[in-house]
Structure formats: C-alpha cells, structure tokens
Amino acid sequence: MLYQLTDGRVVEISTEDYFNFTDEELNSLLGYNCGDYINNPMYGSAMQKRGRPSEDDEPFYGEQDINDVPDEVKYRDQDYTADEE
C-alpha cells in the first residue's frame, strides 16, 4: 500500500507492516528521508503496471480460418463452441 508521510513524500509498505507500526515509527520514516514525491495520481495503479497485455498487442483473428487460430485464443473467446471446427 502507498502511505503518504506528513511532509508529502510517499512510501510503499505492506498492510501488515502498517498495522504493526506505531505512530512514532511511522514518523521516524521522515528522519530517514524515506519515500518520494509523487505527482502522478495514477502511480501504482493496476492500469499502469508493466506486464499487463494491452488489447492492441493481440492479433485480430476475425478474417482467418478457425483452424489457423491458436487453441488458447479459441478458449478465451466467449462465442466459440467446439462444433465450429
């Protein structure tokens, strides 16, 4: 989770650590100059994370023969039925 310190810097800590920290321990992070200033409101968002495939990366199989489409794409298709082959 992202936790904003009183000076505006943001640190990433687990929720378990957050619940185990006392207020003094959280304030001590200020003394260690932990965290960064974040100006992007989408920072850490699931929409921004790497490794997530975008819809533009997947090829379009609409014009191809059903036998040329890979099996994993067929099974993800909502309208595919096995008797189409």
C-alpha atoms as a PDB file:
ATOM      1  CA  MET A   1       0.000   0.000   0.000  1.00  0.00           C
ATOM      2  CA  LEU A   2       1.084   3.581  -0.522  1.00  0.00           C
ATOM      3  CA  TYR A   3       1.331   5.685   2.640  1.00  0.00           C
ATOM      4  CA  GLN A   4       1.804   9.446   2.485  1.00  0.00           C
ATOM      5  CA  LEU A   5       4.043  10.900   5.167  1.00  0.00           C
ATOM      6  CA  THR A   6       3.276  14.241   6.779  1.00  0.00           C
ATOM      7  CA  ASP A   7       5.804  16.073   4.583  1.00  0.00           C
ATOM      8  CA  GLY A   8       4.132  14.840   1.381  1.00  0.00           C
ATOM      9  CA  ARG A   9       6.510  12.028   0.465  1.00  0.00           C
ATOM     10  CA  VAL A  10       5.031   8.612  -0.239  1.00  0.00           C
ATOM     11  CA  VAL A  11       6.405   5.238   0.852  1.00  0.00           C
ATOM     12  CA  GLU A  12       5.234   1.785  -0.153  1.00  0.00           C
ATOM     13  CA  ILE A  13       4.713  -0.553   2.799  1.00  0.00           C
ATOM     14  CA  SER A  14       2.709  -3.719   3.281  1.00  0.00           C
ATOM     15  CA  THR A  15      -0.575  -3.518   5.140  1.00  0.00           C
ATOM     16  CA  GLU A  16       0.821  -5.892   7.780  1.00  0.00           C
ATOM     17  CA  ASP A  17       3.707  -3.508   8.455  1.00  0.00           C
ATOM     18  CA  TYR A  18       1.340  -0.546   8.576  1.00  0.00           C
ATOM     19  CA  PHE A  19      -0.792  -2.180  11.262  1.00  0.00           C
ATOM     20  CA  ASN A  20       2.311  -3.219  13.234  1.00  0.00           C
ATOM     21  CA  PHE A  21       3.937   0.249  13.147  1.00  0.00           C
ATOM     22  CA  THR A  22       3.305   2.737  15.920  1.00  0.00           C
ATOM     23  CA  ASP A  23       2.793   6.420  15.123  1.00  0.00           C
ATOM     24  CA  GLU A  24       6.347   7.099  16.317  1.00  0.00           C
ATOM     25  CA  GLU A  25       7.770   4.514  13.921  1.00  0.00           C
ATOM     26  CA  LEU A  26       5.827   5.972  11.010  1.00  0.00           C
ATOM     27  CA  ASN A  27       7.079   9.457  11.889  1.00  0.00           C
ATOM     28  CA  SER A  28      10.646   8.139  12.135  1.00  0.00           C
ATOM     29  CA  LEU A  29      10.484   7.457   8.380  1.00  0.00           C
ATOM     30  CA  LEU A  30      10.656  11.247   7.975  1.00  0.00           C
ATOM     31  CA  GLY A  31      14.042  11.327   9.702  1.00  0.00           C
ATOM     32  CA  TYR A  32      15.445   8.689   7.353  1.00  0.00           C
ATOM     33  CA  ASN A  33      14.289  10.644   4.257  1.00  0.00           C
ATOM     34  CA  CYS A  34      12.278   7.670   3.056  1.00  0.00           C
ATOM     35  CA  GLY A  35       9.882   7.938   0.155  1.00  0.00           C
ATOM     36  CA  ASP A  36       9.454  10.011  -2.963  1.00  0.00           C
ATOM     37  CA  TYR A  37       7.271  12.884  -4.037  1.00  0.00           C
ATOM     38  CA  ILE A  38       4.653  11.557  -6.443  1.00  0.00           C
ATOM     39  CA  ASN A  39       2.837  13.890  -8.794  1.00  0.00           C
ATOM     40  CA  ASN A  40       1.127  11.222 -10.892  1.00  0.00           C
ATOM     41  CA  PRO A  41      -2.324  10.349  -9.480  1.00  0.00           C
ATOM     42  CA  MET A  42      -2.208   7.021 -11.354  1.00  0.00           C
ATOM     43  CA  TYR A  43       1.100   5.938  -9.730  1.00  0.00           C
ATOM     44  CA  GLY A  44       0.906   2.282  -8.692  1.00  0.00           C
ATOM     45  CA  SER A  45      -2.388   1.780 -10.465  1.00  0.00           C
ATOM     46  CA  ALA A  46      -3.151  -1.629 -11.917  1.00  0.00           C
ATOM     47  CA  MET A  47      -3.784   0.089 -15.235  1.00  0.00           C
ATOM     48  CA  GLN A  48      -0.191   1.355 -15.330  1.00  0.00           C
ATOM     49  CA  LYS A  49       1.646  -1.812 -14.254  1.00  0.00           C
ATOM     50  CA  ARG A  50       4.018  -3.478 -16.665  1.00  0.00           C
ATOM     51  CA  GLY A  51       3.390  -6.969 -17.885  1.00  0.00           C
ATOM     52  CA  ARG A  52      -0.302  -6.436 -18.418  1.00  0.00           C
ATOM     53  CA  PRO A  53      -1.071  -7.142 -22.064  1.00  0.00           C
ATOM     54  CA  SER A  54      -2.896  -4.432 -23.886  1.00  0.00           C
ATOM     55  CA  GLU A  55      -5.712  -5.187 -26.282  1.00  0.00           C
ATOM     56  CA  ASP A  56      -3.648  -3.737 -29.140  1.00  0.00           C
ATOM     57  CA  ASP A  57      -0.946  -6.412 -28.722  1.00  0.00           C
ATOM     58  CA  GLU A  58      -3.252  -9.322 -29.562  1.00  0.00           C
ATOM     59  CA  PRO A  59      -3.607 -10.056 -33.276  1.00  0.00           C
ATOM     60  CA  PHE A  60      -7.029  -9.924 -34.905  1.00  0.00           C
ATOM     61  CA  TYR A  61      -8.232 -13.376 -35.959  1.00  0.00           C
ATOM     62  CA  GLY A  62     -11.611 -12.309 -37.369  1.00  0.00           C
ATOM     63  CA  GLU A  63     -10.654 -12.868 -41.014  1.00  0.00           C
ATOM     64  CA  GLN A  64      -8.778 -16.178 -40.537  1.00  0.00           C
ATOM     65  CA  ASP A  65      -9.937 -19.759 -40.812  1.00  0.00           C
ATOM     66  CA  ILE A  66     -10.904 -21.256 -37.433  1.00  0.00           C
ATOM     67  CA  ASN A  67      -8.222 -23.967 -37.791  1.00  0.00           C
ATOM     68  CA  ASP A  68      -5.484 -21.324 -38.030  1.00  0.00           C
ATOM     69  CA  VAL A  69      -6.408 -19.698 -34.718  1.00  0.00           C
ATOM     70  CA  PRO A  70      -4.381 -20.933 -31.687  1.00  0.00           C
ATOM     71  CA  ASP A  71      -6.290 -23.055 -29.154  1.00  0.00           C
ATOM     72  CA  GLU A  72      -5.706 -20.631 -26.260  1.00  0.00           C
ATOM     73  CA  VAL A  73      -7.385 -17.839 -28.228  1.00  0.00           C
ATOM     74  CA  LYS A  74     -10.336 -20.098 -29.065  1.00  0.00           C
ATOM     75  CA  TYR A  75     -10.916 -20.976 -25.407  1.00  0.00           C
ATOM     76  CA  ARG A  76     -10.868 -17.315 -24.354  1.00  0.00           C
ATOM     77  CA  ASP A  77     -13.474 -16.442 -26.966  1.00  0.00           C
ATOM     78  CA  GLN A  78     -16.946 -16.241 -25.419  1.00  0.00           C
ATOM     79  CA  ASP A  79     -18.728 -17.246 -28.608  1.00  0.00           C
ATOM     80  CA  TYR A  80     -16.540 -20.225 -29.544  1.00  0.00           C
ATOM     81  CA  THR A  81     -18.039 -23.707 -29.459  1.00  0.00           C
ATOM     82  CA  ALA A  82     -16.144 -26.918 -30.175  1.00  0.00           C
ATOM     83  CA  ASP A  83     -18.517 -27.901 -33.012  1.00  0.00           C
ATOM     84  CA  GLU A  84     -17.345 -24.928 -35.124  1.00  0.00           C
ATOM     85  CA  GLU A  85     -14.336 -26.877 -36.431  1.00  0.00           C
END
